[in-house]
Amino acid sequence: MPIDISSDATKQAIASIQRYFTENMDEPVGSLEAGSLLSFFLTEIGPVVYNKAVADVQGKLQERVAEIDVEVYEEAFSYWSKGRKQQR
């Protein structure tokens, strides 16, 4: 499953890659090169990040599901234990 980002996010990512190269490398890169690098990152490294995020969410959901019984549990046959008196 390819990882797609919005066109606005793509533009921001390309600008960020270009800035990174300008500030940290010997020569700047153009938008075509930065776009190609972004495409490579999304294809090659993106799935690792995506899968980690999915695993994190699954863990959180499993924690929440495990807590459901505590949050919504209702004691059965509790009429008499709640101190109610039998009415005649």
C-alpha atoms as a PDB file:
ATOM      1  CA  MET A   1       0.000   0.000   0.000  1.00  0.00           C
ATOM      2  CA  PRO A   2       1.669   3.216  -1.082  1.00  0.00           C
ATOM      3  CA  ILE A   3       1.945   6.024   1.426  1.00  0.00           C
ATOM      4  CA  ASP A   4       0.490   9.196  -0.026  1.00  0.00           C
ATOM      5  CA  ILE A   5       0.629  12.617   1.525  1.00  0.00           C
ATOM      6  CA  SER A   6      -1.339  15.698   0.566  1.00  0.00           C
ATOM      7  CA  SER A   7       0.016  18.094  -2.043  1.00  0.00           C
ATOM      8  CA  ASP A   8       0.424  20.734   0.670  1.00  0.00           C
ATOM      9  CA  ALA A   9       2.442  18.311   2.829  1.00  0.00           C
ATOM     10  CA  THR A  10       4.482  17.363  -0.243  1.00  0.00           C
ATOM     11  CA  LYS A  11       5.318  21.001  -0.937  1.00  0.00           C
ATOM     12  CA  GLN A  12       6.300  21.564   2.693  1.00  0.00           C
ATOM     13  CA  ALA A  13       8.404  18.388   2.751  1.00  0.00           C
ATOM     14  CA  ILE A  14      10.216  19.352  -0.449  1.00  0.00           C
ATOM     15  CA  ALA A  15      10.921  22.817   0.943  1.00  0.00           C
ATOM     16  CA  SER A  16      12.196  21.252   4.169  1.00  0.00           C
ATOM     17  CA  ILE A  17      14.493  18.855   2.275  1.00  0.00           C
ATOM     18  CA  GLN A  18      15.831  21.741   0.216  1.00  0.00           C
ATOM     19  CA  ARG A  19      16.459  23.776   3.365  1.00  0.00           C
ATOM     20  CA  TYR A  20      18.201  20.818   4.995  1.00  0.00           C
ATOM     21  CA  PHE A  21      20.552  20.461   2.044  1.00  0.00           C
ATOM     22  CA  THR A  22      21.209  24.192   1.929  1.00  0.00           C
ATOM     23  CA  GLU A  23      22.061  24.366   5.633  1.00  0.00           C
ATOM     24  CA  ASN A  24      23.820  21.012   6.110  1.00  0.00           C
ATOM     25  CA  MET A  25      25.321  19.855   2.826  1.00  0.00           C
ATOM     26  CA  ASP A  26      27.923  21.278   0.472  1.00  0.00           C
ATOM     27  CA  GLU A  27      25.443  22.147  -2.248  1.00  0.00           C
ATOM     28  CA  PRO A  28      21.708  22.760  -2.401  1.00  0.00           C
ATOM     29  CA  VAL A  29      19.253  20.559  -4.274  1.00  0.00           C
ATOM     30  CA  GLY A  30      16.457  21.626  -6.580  1.00  0.00           C
ATOM     31  CA  SER A  31      12.808  20.820  -6.125  1.00  0.00           C
ATOM     32  CA  LEU A  32      13.001  17.911  -8.605  1.00  0.00           C
ATOM     33  CA  GLU A  33      15.819  16.243  -6.666  1.00  0.00           C
ATOM     34  CA  ALA A  34      14.119  16.965  -3.323  1.00  0.00           C
ATOM     35  CA  GLY A  35      10.856  15.523  -4.675  1.00  0.00           C
ATOM     36  CA  SER A  36      12.653  12.383  -5.814  1.00  0.00           C
ATOM     37  CA  LEU A  37      14.281  12.017  -2.409  1.00  0.00           C
ATOM     38  CA  LEU A  38      10.902  12.475  -0.719  1.00  0.00           C
ATOM     39  CA  SER A  39       9.394   9.819  -2.984  1.00  0.00           C
ATOM     40  CA  PHE A  40      12.243   7.457  -2.083  1.00  0.00           C
ATOM     41  CA  PHE A  41      11.751   8.089   1.649  1.00  0.00           C
ATOM     42  CA  LEU A  42       7.995   7.538   1.430  1.00  0.00           C
ATOM     43  CA  THR A  43       8.468   4.308  -0.524  1.00  0.00           C
ATOM     44  CA  GLU A  44      11.464   2.889   1.327  1.00  0.00           C
ATOM     45  CA  ILE A  45      11.227   4.197   4.895  1.00  0.00           C
ATOM     46  CA  GLY A  46       7.607   5.325   5.132  1.00  0.00           C
ATOM     47  CA  PRO A  47       6.234   1.794   5.669  1.00  0.00           C
ATOM     48  CA  VAL A  48       8.508   1.304   8.696  1.00  0.00           C
ATOM     49  CA  VAL A  49       7.124   4.445  10.338  1.00  0.00           C
ATOM     50  CA  TYR A  50       3.564   3.621   9.275  1.00  0.00           C
ATOM     51  CA  ASN A  51       3.751   0.059  10.618  1.00  0.00           C
ATOM     52  CA  LYS A  52       5.173   1.314  13.915  1.00  0.00           C
ATOM     53  CA  ALA A  53       2.317   3.797  14.223  1.00  0.00           C
ATOM     54  CA  VAL A  54      -0.230   1.071  13.504  1.00  0.00           C
ATOM     55  CA  ALA A  55       1.387  -1.193  16.126  1.00  0.00           C
ATOM     56  CA  ASP A  56       1.335   1.656  18.671  1.00  0.00           C
ATOM     57  CA  VAL A  57      -2.352   2.310  18.023  1.00  0.00           C
ATOM     58  CA  GLN A  58      -3.150  -1.408  18.284  1.00  0.00           C
ATOM     59  CA  GLY A  59      -1.389  -1.532  21.651  1.00  0.00           C
ATOM     60  CA  LYS A  60      -3.338   1.470  22.932  1.00  0.00           C
ATOM     61  CA  LEU A  61      -6.623   0.022  21.683  1.00  0.00           C
ATOM     62  CA  GLN A  62      -5.883  -3.323  23.332  1.00  0.00           C
ATOM     63  CA  GLU A  63      -5.202  -1.512  26.611  1.00  0.00           C
ATOM     64  CA  ARG A  64      -8.533   0.311  26.328  1.00  0.00           C
ATOM     65  CA  VAL A  65     -10.412  -2.883  25.455  1.00  0.00           C
ATOM     66  CA  ALA A  66      -8.849  -4.596  28.475  1.00  0.00           C
ATOM     67  CA  GLU A  67     -10.212  -1.784  30.670  1.00  0.00           C
ATOM     68  CA  ILE A  68     -13.766  -1.983  29.357  1.00  0.00           C
ATOM     69  CA  ASP A  69     -14.827  -4.631  31.850  1.00  0.00           C
ATOM     70  CA  VAL A  70     -13.709  -2.400  34.722  1.00  0.00           C
ATOM     71  CA  GLU A  71     -15.438   0.677  33.334  1.00  0.00           C
ATOM     72  CA  VAL A  72     -18.773  -0.869  32.413  1.00  0.00           C
ATOM     73  CA  TYR A  73     -18.996  -3.873  34.720  1.00  0.00           C
ATOM     74  CA  GLU A  74     -22.207  -4.142  36.697  1.00  0.00           C
ATOM     75  CA  GLU A  75     -22.572  -6.577  39.554  1.00  0.00           C
ATOM     76  CA  ALA A  76     -25.369  -9.083  39.011  1.00  0.00           C
ATOM     77  CA  PHE A  77     -27.893  -9.894  41.715  1.00  0.00           C
ATOM     78  CA  SER A  78     -26.995  -6.794  43.693  1.00  0.00           C
ATOM     79  CA  TYR A  79     -30.513  -5.763  44.685  1.00  0.00           C
ATOM     80  CA  TRP A  80     -30.197  -7.138  48.215  1.00  0.00           C
ATOM     81  CA  SER A  81     -26.596  -6.111  48.758  1.00  0.00           C
ATOM     82  CA  LYS A  82     -27.383  -2.448  48.088  1.00  0.00           C
ATOM     83  CA  GLY A  83     -29.293  -2.244  51.351  1.00  0.00           C
ATOM     84  CA  ARG A  84     -32.776  -2.138  49.912  1.00  0.00           C
ATOM     85  CA  LYS A  85     -35.569  -3.343  52.117  1.00  0.00           C
ATOM     86  CA  GLN A  86     -38.173  -5.691  50.779  1.00  0.00           C
ATOM     87  CA  GLN A  87     -41.477  -3.932  50.346  1.00  0.00           C
ATOM     88  CA  ARG A  88     -44.719  -5.672  51.304  1.00  0.00           C
END
